[in-house]
């Protein structure tokens, strides 16, 4: 008899250039019919030209963000380059209660905050295959000058040294393989002791 699964929260983090956003997009595209969800954060920064409200982020005013924060609607929040970002609590709680899978694409500090609040969540870190490849990916973006690129690279290397604080570490050399490895993590989460349905097990063992 298959145990009834609880909802699954998968927190995916990486340094810039690690490839977490690409992995998340692939996972959601492959499992759209399975009802896998993506946690969409709120932010006070203005949308970029290719962004749409409710898709990449929910774009809100500073006062609206502050009111949501006062009402306890965020599981975690932070300030990045003077703008505020917040992870909504409701989708996470709904997933745990109703079942299914929700994926979060979040920075390292936010990942640790969320793990403290949702201990049943899986915490996965995506590493590039080498420093050289990391630098190539960051440079390929073409969004920073040389000075900004070096700052981002230094920060990425600092974050990579925190890999031991994560439960799962995936080296993203080939995207398809990395996606499958995250899938295997998600598929096996119901077997973790803390995620088991205790009432159902009690009925089995008497």
N, C-alpha and C. Protein backbone atom coordinates (compact mmCIF):
# COMPACT_ATOMS: atom_id res chain seq x y z
N UNK A 1 0.84 -1.19 0.00
CA UNK A 1 0.00 0.00 0.00
C UNK A 1 0.88 1.24 0.00
N UNK A 2 0.63 2.17 -0.90
CA UNK A 2 1.43 3.39 -0.99
C UNK A 2 0.95 4.38 0.08
N UNK A 3 1.88 4.92 0.84
CA UNK A 3 1.54 5.90 1.84
C UNK A 3 1.07 7.19 1.17
N UNK A 4 0.02 7.78 1.74
CA UNK A 4 -0.46 9.06 1.21
C UNK A 4 0.60 10.12 1.45
N UNK A 5 0.99 10.81 0.39
CA UNK A 5 2.09 11.75 0.48
C UNK A 5 1.62 13.12 0.98
N UNK A 6 2.45 13.71 1.81
CA UNK A 6 2.25 15.10 2.17
C UNK A 6 2.75 15.98 1.04
N UNK A 7 2.37 17.25 1.10
CA UNK A 7 2.88 18.19 0.12
C UNK A 7 4.39 18.34 0.24
N UNK A 8 5.03 18.66 -0.88
CA UNK A 8 6.50 18.75 -0.92
C UNK A 8 6.95 20.17 -1.28
N UNK A 9 7.85 20.68 -0.47
CA UNK A 9 8.47 21.98 -0.74
C UNK A 9 9.92 21.74 -1.12
N UNK A 10 10.33 22.23 -2.28
CA UNK A 10 11.72 22.08 -2.71
C UNK A 10 12.32 23.48 -2.89
N UNK A 11 13.32 23.78 -2.09
CA UNK A 11 14.00 25.07 -2.14
C UNK A 11 15.28 24.89 -2.95
N UNK A 12 15.35 25.58 -4.07
CA UNK A 12 16.52 25.46 -4.96
C UNK A 12 17.30 26.77 -4.92
N UNK A 13 18.57 26.66 -4.58
CA UNK A 13 19.41 27.85 -4.48
C UNK A 13 20.72 27.61 -5.21
N UNK A 14 21.38 28.68 -5.56
CA UNK A 14 22.68 28.57 -6.23
C UNK A 14 23.31 29.95 -6.29
N UNK A 15 24.61 30.02 -6.52
CA UNK A 15 25.21 31.32 -6.81
C UNK A 15 24.76 31.77 -8.20
N UNK A 16 24.91 33.05 -8.48
CA UNK A 16 24.63 33.54 -9.84
C UNK A 16 25.46 32.73 -10.83
N UNK A 17 24.81 32.24 -11.87
CA UNK A 17 25.50 31.42 -12.86
C UNK A 17 25.44 29.94 -12.59
N UNK A 18 24.84 29.57 -11.47
CA UNK A 18 24.70 28.15 -11.14
C UNK A 18 23.67 27.44 -12.01
N UNK A 19 22.65 28.19 -12.40
CA UNK A 19 21.66 27.61 -13.30
C UNK A 19 20.34 27.22 -12.64
N UNK A 20 20.05 27.74 -11.45
CA UNK A 20 18.84 27.32 -10.76
C UNK A 20 17.57 27.73 -11.50
N UNK A 21 17.58 28.89 -12.11
CA UNK A 21 16.38 29.35 -12.82
C UNK A 21 16.08 28.47 -14.03
N UNK A 22 17.11 28.05 -14.74
CA UNK A 22 16.91 27.16 -15.89
C UNK A 22 16.36 25.81 -15.43
N UNK A 23 16.88 25.31 -14.33
CA UNK A 23 16.40 24.03 -13.78
C UNK A 23 14.94 24.14 -13.37
N UNK A 24 14.59 25.23 -12.70
CA UNK A 24 13.19 25.42 -12.28
C UNK A 24 12.25 25.49 -13.48
N UNK A 25 12.65 26.20 -14.51
CA UNK A 25 11.80 26.30 -15.72
C UNK A 25 11.58 24.93 -16.34
N UNK A 26 12.63 24.13 -16.42
CA UNK A 26 12.51 22.80 -17.02
C UNK A 26 11.61 21.90 -16.18
N UNK A 27 11.76 21.95 -14.88
CA UNK A 27 10.94 21.13 -13.99
C UNK A 27 9.46 21.47 -14.13
N UNK A 28 9.15 22.75 -14.14
CA UNK A 28 7.76 23.18 -14.22
C UNK A 28 7.15 22.86 -15.58
N UNK A 29 7.94 22.98 -16.64
CA UNK A 29 7.44 22.65 -17.97
C UNK A 29 7.16 21.15 -18.08
N UNK A 30 8.02 20.32 -17.52
CA UNK A 30 7.85 18.87 -17.60
C UNK A 30 6.68 18.37 -16.76
N UNK A 31 6.39 19.08 -15.68
CA UNK A 31 5.40 18.58 -14.72
C UNK A 31 4.19 19.50 -14.60
N UNK A 32 3.92 20.23 -15.66
CA UNK A 32 2.75 21.12 -15.66
C UNK A 32 1.47 20.33 -15.44
N UNK A 33 1.35 19.19 -16.10
CA UNK A 33 0.15 18.36 -15.97
C UNK A 33 0.05 17.73 -14.58
N UNK A 34 1.17 17.62 -13.88
CA UNK A 34 1.16 17.05 -12.54
C UNK A 34 0.76 18.08 -11.48
N UNK A 35 0.60 19.33 -11.91
CA UNK A 35 0.19 20.38 -10.99
C UNK A 35 1.30 20.95 -10.13
N UNK A 36 2.55 20.76 -10.56
CA UNK A 36 3.66 21.34 -9.80
C UNK A 36 3.55 22.86 -9.87
N UNK A 37 3.83 23.52 -8.77
CA UNK A 37 3.67 24.97 -8.68
C UNK A 37 5.02 25.64 -8.48
N UNK A 38 5.04 26.94 -8.80
CA UNK A 38 6.23 27.75 -8.57
C UNK A 38 5.87 28.86 -7.60
N UNK A 39 6.69 29.05 -6.60
CA UNK A 39 6.45 30.12 -5.63
C UNK A 39 6.88 31.45 -6.24
N UNK A 40 5.92 32.34 -6.41
CA UNK A 40 6.18 33.65 -7.01
C UNK A 40 6.30 34.69 -5.90
N UNK A 41 7.44 35.33 -5.84
CA UNK A 41 7.70 36.31 -4.79
C UNK A 41 7.07 37.66 -5.11
N UNK A 42 6.92 38.47 -4.06
CA UNK A 42 6.50 39.86 -4.21
C UNK A 42 7.75 40.75 -4.16
N UNK A 43 7.73 41.82 -4.91
CA UNK A 43 8.87 42.74 -4.89
C UNK A 43 8.40 44.17 -5.11
N UNK A 44 9.18 45.08 -4.56
CA UNK A 44 8.88 46.51 -4.74
C UNK A 44 9.63 47.10 -5.93
N UNK A 45 10.47 46.33 -6.56
CA UNK A 45 11.19 46.90 -7.72
C UNK A 45 10.27 46.94 -8.93
N UNK A 46 10.50 47.86 -9.84
CA UNK A 46 9.65 47.94 -11.04
C UNK A 46 9.93 46.77 -11.98
N UNK A 47 8.93 46.35 -12.75
CA UNK A 47 9.15 45.25 -13.69
C UNK A 47 10.07 45.64 -14.83
N UNK A 48 10.86 44.68 -15.29
CA UNK A 48 11.69 44.90 -16.47
C UNK A 48 10.84 44.71 -17.72
N UNK A 49 11.43 45.04 -18.85
CA UNK A 49 10.66 45.06 -20.10
C UNK A 49 10.03 43.71 -20.44
N UNK A 50 10.71 42.62 -20.12
CA UNK A 50 10.21 41.28 -20.49
C UNK A 50 9.46 40.59 -19.36
N UNK A 51 9.18 41.31 -18.28
CA UNK A 51 8.52 40.70 -17.13
C UNK A 51 7.04 41.05 -17.07
N UNK A 52 6.29 40.11 -16.50
CA UNK A 52 4.84 40.28 -16.40
C UNK A 52 4.40 40.05 -14.96
N UNK A 53 3.55 40.93 -14.47
CA UNK A 53 3.06 40.79 -13.10
C UNK A 53 2.35 39.46 -12.91
N UNK A 54 2.73 38.73 -11.86
CA UNK A 54 2.13 37.44 -11.59
C UNK A 54 2.83 36.29 -12.27
N UNK A 55 3.82 36.57 -13.08
CA UNK A 55 4.59 35.50 -13.73
C UNK A 55 5.98 35.41 -13.12
N UNK A 56 6.81 36.43 -13.31
CA UNK A 56 8.13 36.44 -12.66
C UNK A 56 8.00 36.85 -11.19
N UNK A 57 7.25 37.91 -10.95
CA UNK A 57 7.01 38.43 -9.61
C UNK A 57 5.62 39.03 -9.54
N UNK A 58 5.18 39.28 -8.30
CA UNK A 58 4.05 40.17 -8.06
C UNK A 58 4.66 41.52 -7.71
N UNK A 59 4.43 42.52 -8.54
CA UNK A 59 5.03 43.83 -8.34
C UNK A 59 4.09 44.69 -7.51
N UNK A 60 4.58 45.14 -6.34
CA UNK A 60 3.74 45.90 -5.42
C UNK A 60 4.47 47.16 -4.99
N UNK A 61 3.70 48.10 -4.44
CA UNK A 61 4.30 49.34 -3.93
C UNK A 61 4.96 49.07 -2.58
N UNK A 62 5.78 50.03 -2.16
CA UNK A 62 6.45 49.89 -0.88
C UNK A 62 5.47 49.80 0.28
N UNK A 63 4.41 50.62 0.24
CA UNK A 63 3.42 50.60 1.32
C UNK A 63 2.64 49.30 1.33
N UNK A 64 2.31 48.78 0.15
CA UNK A 64 1.59 47.52 0.08
C UNK A 64 2.45 46.38 0.63
N UNK A 65 3.73 46.39 0.29
CA UNK A 65 4.65 45.37 0.80
C UNK A 65 4.72 45.44 2.32
N UNK A 66 4.85 46.67 2.85
CA UNK A 66 4.95 46.84 4.30
C UNK A 66 3.70 46.33 5.01
N UNK A 67 2.53 46.57 4.43
CA UNK A 67 1.28 46.10 5.03
C UNK A 67 1.21 44.58 5.02
N UNK A 68 1.65 43.97 3.91
CA UNK A 68 1.66 42.51 3.84
C UNK A 68 2.61 41.93 4.89
N UNK A 69 3.73 42.60 5.08
CA UNK A 69 4.71 42.14 6.06
C UNK A 69 4.14 42.24 7.47
N UNK A 70 3.43 43.32 7.77
CA UNK A 70 2.81 43.48 9.09
C UNK A 70 1.77 42.41 9.35
N UNK A 71 1.07 41.99 8.30
CA UNK A 71 0.03 40.97 8.45
C UNK A 71 0.62 39.55 8.51
N UNK A 72 1.95 39.45 8.41
CA UNK A 72 2.60 38.15 8.50
C UNK A 72 2.41 37.28 7.27
N UNK A 73 2.28 37.91 6.10
CA UNK A 73 2.00 37.16 4.88
C UNK A 73 3.25 36.59 4.22
N UNK A 74 4.43 36.98 4.69
CA UNK A 74 5.66 36.49 4.08
C UNK A 74 6.33 35.44 4.97
N UNK A 75 6.77 34.37 4.34
CA UNK A 75 7.55 33.36 5.05
C UNK A 75 8.96 33.87 5.31
N UNK A 76 9.47 34.68 4.38
CA UNK A 76 10.76 35.35 4.56
C UNK A 76 10.78 36.55 3.65
N UNK A 77 11.59 37.53 4.01
CA UNK A 77 11.72 38.73 3.17
C UNK A 77 13.13 39.29 3.33
N UNK A 78 13.54 40.08 2.35
CA UNK A 78 14.88 40.65 2.39
C UNK A 78 14.92 41.91 1.54
N UNK A 79 16.02 42.64 1.67
CA UNK A 79 16.26 43.82 0.84
C UNK A 79 17.48 43.55 -0.04
N UNK A 80 17.32 43.72 -1.34
CA UNK A 80 18.41 43.52 -2.29
C UNK A 80 18.48 44.75 -3.19
N UNK A 81 19.61 45.46 -3.14
CA UNK A 81 19.80 46.66 -3.96
C UNK A 81 18.63 47.62 -3.79
N UNK A 82 18.29 47.91 -2.54
CA UNK A 82 17.28 48.88 -2.08
C UNK A 82 15.83 48.45 -2.33
N UNK A 83 15.61 47.35 -3.00
CA UNK A 83 14.25 46.86 -3.22
C UNK A 83 13.94 45.69 -2.28
N UNK A 84 12.67 45.56 -1.93
CA UNK A 84 12.24 44.49 -1.02
C UNK A 84 11.70 43.30 -1.79
N UNK A 85 11.98 42.12 -1.26
CA UNK A 85 11.49 40.87 -1.85
C UNK A 85 10.89 40.02 -0.73
N UNK A 86 9.77 39.37 -1.00
CA UNK A 86 9.14 38.54 0.01
C UNK A 86 8.54 37.27 -0.57
N UNK A 87 8.73 36.16 0.13
CA UNK A 87 8.16 34.87 -0.28
C UNK A 87 6.82 34.69 0.42
N UNK A 88 5.72 34.58 -0.33
CA UNK A 88 4.41 34.45 0.32
C UNK A 88 4.28 33.13 1.07
N UNK A 89 3.65 33.21 2.23
CA UNK A 89 3.49 32.05 3.09
C UNK A 89 2.35 31.13 2.62
N UNK A 90 1.26 31.71 2.12
CA UNK A 90 0.05 30.94 1.84
C UNK A 90 0.27 29.77 0.87
N UNK A 91 0.95 29.96 -0.29
CA UNK A 91 1.14 28.82 -1.21
C UNK A 91 1.92 27.67 -0.57
N UNK A 92 2.86 27.98 0.29
CA UNK A 92 3.64 26.93 0.96
C UNK A 92 2.75 26.15 1.93
N UNK A 93 1.97 26.87 2.72
CA UNK A 93 1.08 26.20 3.68
C UNK A 93 0.01 25.38 2.96
N UNK A 94 -0.52 25.91 1.86
CA UNK A 94 -1.53 25.17 1.09
C UNK A 94 -0.96 23.88 0.52
N UNK A 95 0.28 23.94 0.04
CA UNK A 95 0.90 22.74 -0.52
C UNK A 95 1.08 21.67 0.54
N UNK A 96 1.54 22.07 1.71
CA UNK A 96 1.71 21.10 2.80
C UNK A 96 0.38 20.48 3.21
N UNK A 97 -0.66 21.30 3.19
CA UNK A 97 -1.96 20.83 3.65
C UNK A 97 -2.68 19.97 2.62
N UNK A 98 -2.62 20.39 1.35
CA UNK A 98 -3.40 19.75 0.31
C UNK A 98 -2.61 18.73 -0.52
N UNK A 99 -1.28 18.79 -0.44
CA UNK A 99 -0.45 17.91 -1.25
C UNK A 99 0.07 18.60 -2.49
N UNK A 100 0.91 17.91 -3.24
CA UNK A 100 1.50 18.47 -4.45
C UNK A 100 2.95 18.89 -4.23
N UNK A 101 3.46 19.63 -5.18
CA UNK A 101 4.86 20.07 -5.15
C UNK A 101 4.92 21.56 -5.43
N UNK A 102 5.68 22.29 -4.62
CA UNK A 102 5.94 23.70 -4.90
C UNK A 102 7.45 23.92 -4.90
N UNK A 103 7.93 24.65 -5.90
CA UNK A 103 9.36 24.88 -6.10
C UNK A 103 9.68 26.35 -5.86
N UNK A 104 10.76 26.59 -5.14
CA UNK A 104 11.22 27.94 -4.88
C UNK A 104 12.60 28.15 -5.47
N UNK A 105 12.77 29.23 -6.20
CA UNK A 105 14.05 29.66 -6.75
C UNK A 105 14.47 30.87 -5.91
N UNK A 106 15.46 30.68 -5.05
CA UNK A 106 15.72 31.72 -4.05
C UNK A 106 17.21 31.79 -3.73
N UNK A 107 17.64 32.97 -3.25
CA UNK A 107 19.07 33.13 -2.94
C UNK A 107 19.43 32.37 -1.66
N UNK A 108 20.72 32.31 -1.38
CA UNK A 108 21.22 31.48 -0.29
C UNK A 108 20.66 31.91 1.07
N UNK A 109 20.69 33.20 1.37
CA UNK A 109 20.20 33.67 2.67
C UNK A 109 18.72 33.36 2.84
N UNK A 110 17.94 33.61 1.79
CA UNK A 110 16.52 33.32 1.85
C UNK A 110 16.25 31.84 2.02
N UNK A 111 17.08 31.01 1.40
CA UNK A 111 16.92 29.56 1.50
C UNK A 111 17.08 29.10 2.95
N UNK A 112 18.08 29.63 3.64
CA UNK A 112 18.30 29.24 5.03
C UNK A 112 17.15 29.71 5.93
N UNK A 113 16.63 30.90 5.67
CA UNK A 113 15.50 31.40 6.45
C UNK A 113 14.28 30.48 6.28
N UNK A 114 13.99 30.12 5.04
CA UNK A 114 12.83 29.27 4.77
C UNK A 114 12.99 27.88 5.39
N UNK A 115 14.19 27.36 5.35
CA UNK A 115 14.43 26.03 5.92
C UNK A 115 14.17 26.03 7.42
N UNK A 116 14.49 27.15 8.08
CA UNK A 116 14.22 27.23 9.51
C UNK A 116 12.72 27.22 9.80
N UNK A 117 11.94 27.79 8.89
CA UNK A 117 10.49 27.85 9.08
C UNK A 117 9.79 26.58 8.62
N UNK A 118 10.34 25.96 7.57
CA UNK A 118 9.72 24.76 7.00
C UNK A 118 10.76 23.64 7.00
N UNK A 119 10.90 22.99 8.13
CA UNK A 119 11.94 21.98 8.28
C UNK A 119 11.72 20.78 7.35
N UNK A 120 10.45 20.56 6.94
CA UNK A 120 10.17 19.43 6.06
C UNK A 120 10.56 19.69 4.61
N UNK A 121 10.92 20.92 4.29
CA UNK A 121 11.32 21.26 2.94
C UNK A 121 12.67 20.64 2.59
N UNK A 122 12.88 20.37 1.31
CA UNK A 122 14.19 19.90 0.83
C UNK A 122 15.01 21.11 0.40
N UNK A 123 16.26 21.12 0.79
CA UNK A 123 17.14 22.25 0.52
C UNK A 123 18.24 21.79 -0.44
N UNK A 124 18.16 22.25 -1.69
CA UNK A 124 19.09 21.79 -2.73
C UNK A 124 19.94 22.96 -3.24
N UNK A 125 21.22 22.69 -3.43
CA UNK A 125 22.16 23.70 -3.90
C UNK A 125 22.71 23.29 -5.26
N UNK A 126 22.70 24.22 -6.19
CA UNK A 126 23.18 23.96 -7.55
C UNK A 126 24.56 24.59 -7.73
N UNK A 127 25.52 23.76 -8.08
CA UNK A 127 26.88 24.23 -8.33
C UNK A 127 27.21 24.19 -9.82
N UNK A 128 27.99 25.15 -10.31
CA UNK A 128 28.50 25.04 -11.67
C UNK A 128 29.60 23.98 -11.69
N UNK A 129 29.95 23.44 -12.85
CA UNK A 129 30.97 22.38 -12.89
C UNK A 129 32.39 22.88 -12.61
N UNK A 130 32.64 24.19 -12.75
CA UNK A 130 33.98 24.72 -12.49
C UNK A 130 33.90 26.24 -12.35
N UNK A 131 34.96 26.82 -11.80
CA UNK A 131 35.03 28.29 -11.72
C UNK A 131 35.06 28.91 -13.11
N UNK A 132 35.78 28.25 -14.00
CA UNK A 132 35.88 28.76 -15.37
C UNK A 132 34.50 28.83 -16.02
N UNK A 133 33.71 27.78 -15.85
CA UNK A 133 32.37 27.77 -16.43
C UNK A 133 31.47 28.80 -15.76
N UNK A 134 31.61 28.96 -14.47
CA UNK A 134 30.84 29.98 -13.76
C UNK A 134 31.13 31.36 -14.34
N UNK A 135 32.40 31.68 -14.51
CA UNK A 135 32.78 32.98 -15.07
C UNK A 135 32.24 33.14 -16.49
N UNK A 136 32.31 32.07 -17.27
CA UNK A 136 31.81 32.13 -18.65
C UNK A 136 30.31 32.42 -18.68
N UNK A 137 29.55 31.76 -17.81
CA UNK A 137 28.10 31.97 -17.77
C UNK A 137 27.75 33.39 -17.35
N UNK A 138 28.47 33.89 -16.35
CA UNK A 138 28.19 35.25 -15.90
C UNK A 138 28.54 36.27 -16.98
N UNK A 139 29.65 36.04 -17.66
CA UNK A 139 30.07 36.96 -18.71
C UNK A 139 29.13 36.90 -19.90
N UNK A 140 28.60 35.72 -20.18
CA UNK A 140 27.71 35.52 -21.31
C UNK A 140 26.41 36.32 -21.18
N UNK A 141 26.01 36.61 -19.96
CA UNK A 141 24.79 37.38 -19.74
C UNK A 141 24.88 38.77 -20.35
N UNK A 142 26.08 39.36 -20.24
CA UNK A 142 26.27 40.69 -20.80
C UNK A 142 25.53 41.79 -20.07
N UNK A 143 25.23 41.57 -18.79
CA UNK A 143 24.45 42.55 -18.04
C UNK A 143 25.30 43.42 -17.12
N UNK A 144 26.60 43.11 -16.98
CA UNK A 144 27.47 43.88 -16.10
C UNK A 144 28.77 44.26 -16.80
N UNK A 145 29.35 45.36 -16.35
CA UNK A 145 30.68 45.70 -16.84
C UNK A 145 31.70 44.84 -16.08
N UNK A 146 32.99 45.00 -16.40
CA UNK A 146 34.02 44.14 -15.82
C UNK A 146 34.07 44.23 -14.30
N UNK A 147 33.91 45.44 -13.76
CA UNK A 147 33.96 45.62 -12.31
C UNK A 147 32.78 44.92 -11.64
N UNK A 148 31.59 45.11 -12.18
CA UNK A 148 30.40 44.47 -11.62
C UNK A 148 30.48 42.96 -11.75
N UNK A 149 31.05 42.50 -12.87
CA UNK A 149 31.21 41.07 -13.09
C UNK A 149 32.12 40.45 -12.03
N UNK A 150 33.21 41.15 -11.69
CA UNK A 150 34.13 40.64 -10.69
C UNK A 150 33.48 40.59 -9.31
N UNK A 151 32.67 41.60 -8.99
CA UNK A 151 31.95 41.62 -7.72
C UNK A 151 30.99 40.44 -7.63
N UNK A 152 30.26 40.21 -8.72
CA UNK A 152 29.30 39.10 -8.74
C UNK A 152 30.01 37.76 -8.66
N UNK A 153 31.15 37.65 -9.32
CA UNK A 153 31.92 36.40 -9.29
C UNK A 153 32.44 36.13 -7.89
N UNK A 154 32.97 37.16 -7.23
CA UNK A 154 33.48 37.00 -5.85
C UNK A 154 32.36 36.56 -4.91
N UNK A 155 31.21 37.17 -5.06
CA UNK A 155 30.06 36.80 -4.23
C UNK A 155 29.63 35.36 -4.50
N UNK A 156 29.62 34.98 -5.76
CA UNK A 156 29.23 33.62 -6.12
C UNK A 156 30.18 32.60 -5.50
N UNK A 157 31.49 32.88 -5.53
CA UNK A 157 32.46 31.96 -4.94
C UNK A 157 32.28 31.85 -3.43
N UNK A 158 31.96 32.97 -2.78
CA UNK A 158 31.69 32.94 -1.34
C UNK A 158 30.48 32.06 -1.03
N UNK A 159 29.43 32.18 -1.84
CA UNK A 159 28.22 31.39 -1.63
C UNK A 159 28.47 29.91 -1.89
N UNK A 160 29.31 29.60 -2.85
CA UNK A 160 29.61 28.20 -3.17
C UNK A 160 30.24 27.49 -1.98
N UNK A 161 30.98 28.21 -1.16
CA UNK A 161 31.64 27.61 0.00
C UNK A 161 30.64 27.20 1.08
N UNK A 162 29.39 27.59 0.93
CA UNK A 162 28.35 27.24 1.91
C UNK A 162 27.63 25.95 1.56
N UNK A 163 28.13 25.21 0.58
CA UNK A 163 27.41 24.04 0.09
C UNK A 163 27.16 23.00 1.18
N UNK A 164 28.02 22.94 2.20
CA UNK A 164 27.86 21.93 3.25
C UNK A 164 26.62 22.16 4.11
N UNK A 165 26.03 23.34 4.02
CA UNK A 165 24.84 23.62 4.81
C UNK A 165 23.56 23.16 4.11
N UNK A 166 23.71 22.61 2.92
CA UNK A 166 22.56 22.13 2.15
C UNK A 166 22.44 20.61 2.25
N UNK A 167 21.20 20.12 2.15
CA UNK A 167 20.96 18.68 2.22
C UNK A 167 21.37 17.98 0.94
N UNK A 168 21.17 18.64 -0.18
CA UNK A 168 21.47 18.05 -1.48
C UNK A 168 22.32 19.03 -2.28
N UNK A 169 23.30 18.50 -3.00
CA UNK A 169 24.16 19.33 -3.85
C UNK A 169 24.20 18.70 -5.25
N UNK A 170 23.91 19.50 -6.25
CA UNK A 170 23.86 19.03 -7.64
C UNK A 170 24.83 19.85 -8.47
N UNK A 171 25.69 19.18 -9.21
CA UNK A 171 26.62 19.87 -10.10
C UNK A 171 25.96 19.98 -11.48
N UNK A 172 25.68 21.18 -11.87
CA UNK A 172 24.94 21.44 -13.10
C UNK A 172 25.88 21.60 -14.29
N UNK A 173 26.36 20.46 -14.79
CA UNK A 173 27.20 20.48 -15.99
C UNK A 173 26.36 20.28 -17.23
N UNK A 174 25.43 19.32 -17.16
CA UNK A 174 24.48 19.06 -18.26
C UNK A 174 23.08 19.31 -17.71
N UNK A 175 22.37 20.25 -18.30
CA UNK A 175 21.09 20.68 -17.75
C UNK A 175 20.11 19.52 -17.57
N UNK A 176 19.96 18.68 -18.58
CA UNK A 176 18.99 17.57 -18.50
C UNK A 176 19.29 16.64 -17.33
N UNK A 177 20.57 16.38 -17.09
CA UNK A 177 20.95 15.50 -15.98
C UNK A 177 20.65 16.17 -14.65
N UNK A 178 20.97 17.46 -14.54
CA UNK A 178 20.70 18.19 -13.30
C UNK A 178 19.21 18.22 -13.00
N UNK A 179 18.40 18.42 -14.03
CA UNK A 179 16.94 18.43 -13.85
C UNK A 179 16.47 17.07 -13.34
N UNK A 180 16.98 16.00 -13.93
CA UNK A 180 16.57 14.66 -13.50
C UNK A 180 17.00 14.39 -12.06
N UNK A 181 18.16 14.88 -11.66
CA UNK A 181 18.61 14.68 -10.29
C UNK A 181 17.70 15.40 -9.29
N UNK A 182 17.24 16.60 -9.64
CA UNK A 182 16.29 17.29 -8.77
C UNK A 182 14.96 16.53 -8.74
N UNK A 183 14.54 16.01 -9.87
CA UNK A 183 13.32 15.20 -9.91
C UNK A 183 13.41 14.02 -8.96
N UNK A 184 14.56 13.36 -8.94
CA UNK A 184 14.73 12.20 -8.06
C UNK A 184 14.64 12.60 -6.58
N UNK A 185 15.18 13.78 -6.26
CA UNK A 185 15.07 14.27 -4.89
C UNK A 185 13.60 14.46 -4.53
N UNK A 186 12.87 15.13 -5.41
CA UNK A 186 11.45 15.41 -5.14
C UNK A 186 10.65 14.13 -5.03
N UNK A 187 10.92 13.19 -5.93
CA UNK A 187 10.16 11.94 -5.95
C UNK A 187 10.36 11.13 -4.67
N UNK A 188 11.51 11.28 -4.03
CA UNK A 188 11.81 10.46 -2.86
C UNK A 188 11.49 11.14 -1.53
N UNK A 189 11.03 12.38 -1.55
CA UNK A 189 10.84 13.11 -0.31
C UNK A 189 9.81 12.47 0.61
N UNK A 190 8.83 11.80 0.03
CA UNK A 190 7.80 11.19 0.90
C UNK A 190 8.39 10.07 1.77
N UNK A 191 9.59 9.59 1.43
CA UNK A 191 10.21 8.52 2.22
C UNK A 191 10.98 9.05 3.43
N UNK A 192 11.20 10.36 3.50
CA UNK A 192 11.91 10.90 4.65
C UNK A 192 11.06 10.72 5.89
N UNK A 193 11.72 10.38 6.97
CA UNK A 193 11.01 10.09 8.23
C UNK A 193 10.09 11.24 8.64
N UNK A 194 10.57 12.48 8.56
CA UNK A 194 9.79 13.61 9.02
C UNK A 194 8.59 13.90 8.12
N UNK A 195 8.59 13.36 6.90
CA UNK A 195 7.49 13.62 5.97
C UNK A 195 6.45 12.51 5.94
N UNK A 196 6.65 11.46 6.72
CA UNK A 196 5.71 10.35 6.68
C UNK A 196 4.38 10.71 7.35
N UNK A 197 3.33 10.07 6.89
CA UNK A 197 2.01 10.25 7.48
C UNK A 197 1.89 9.30 8.67
N UNK A 198 2.02 9.84 9.86
CA UNK A 198 2.10 9.01 11.06
C UNK A 198 0.80 8.22 11.31
N UNK A 199 -0.34 8.84 11.03
CA UNK A 199 -1.61 8.14 11.25
C UNK A 199 -1.72 6.91 10.35
N UNK A 200 -1.31 7.05 9.12
CA UNK A 200 -1.37 5.95 8.19
C UNK A 200 -0.42 4.82 8.60
N UNK A 201 0.76 5.19 9.07
CA UNK A 201 1.72 4.17 9.51
C UNK A 201 1.19 3.46 10.75
N UNK A 202 0.55 4.20 11.64
CA UNK A 202 -0.02 3.58 12.85
C UNK A 202 -1.05 2.53 12.50
N UNK A 203 -1.82 2.78 11.44
CA UNK A 203 -2.82 1.80 11.01
C UNK A 203 -2.16 0.55 10.43
N UNK A 204 -0.98 0.73 9.85
CA UNK A 204 -0.27 -0.40 9.26
C UNK A 204 0.34 -1.29 10.34
N UNK A 205 1.01 -0.69 11.28
CA UNK A 205 1.76 -1.48 12.26
C UNK A 205 0.93 -1.82 13.49
N UNK A 206 -0.23 -1.15 13.65
CA UNK A 206 -1.13 -1.47 14.76
C UNK A 206 -0.68 -0.87 16.07
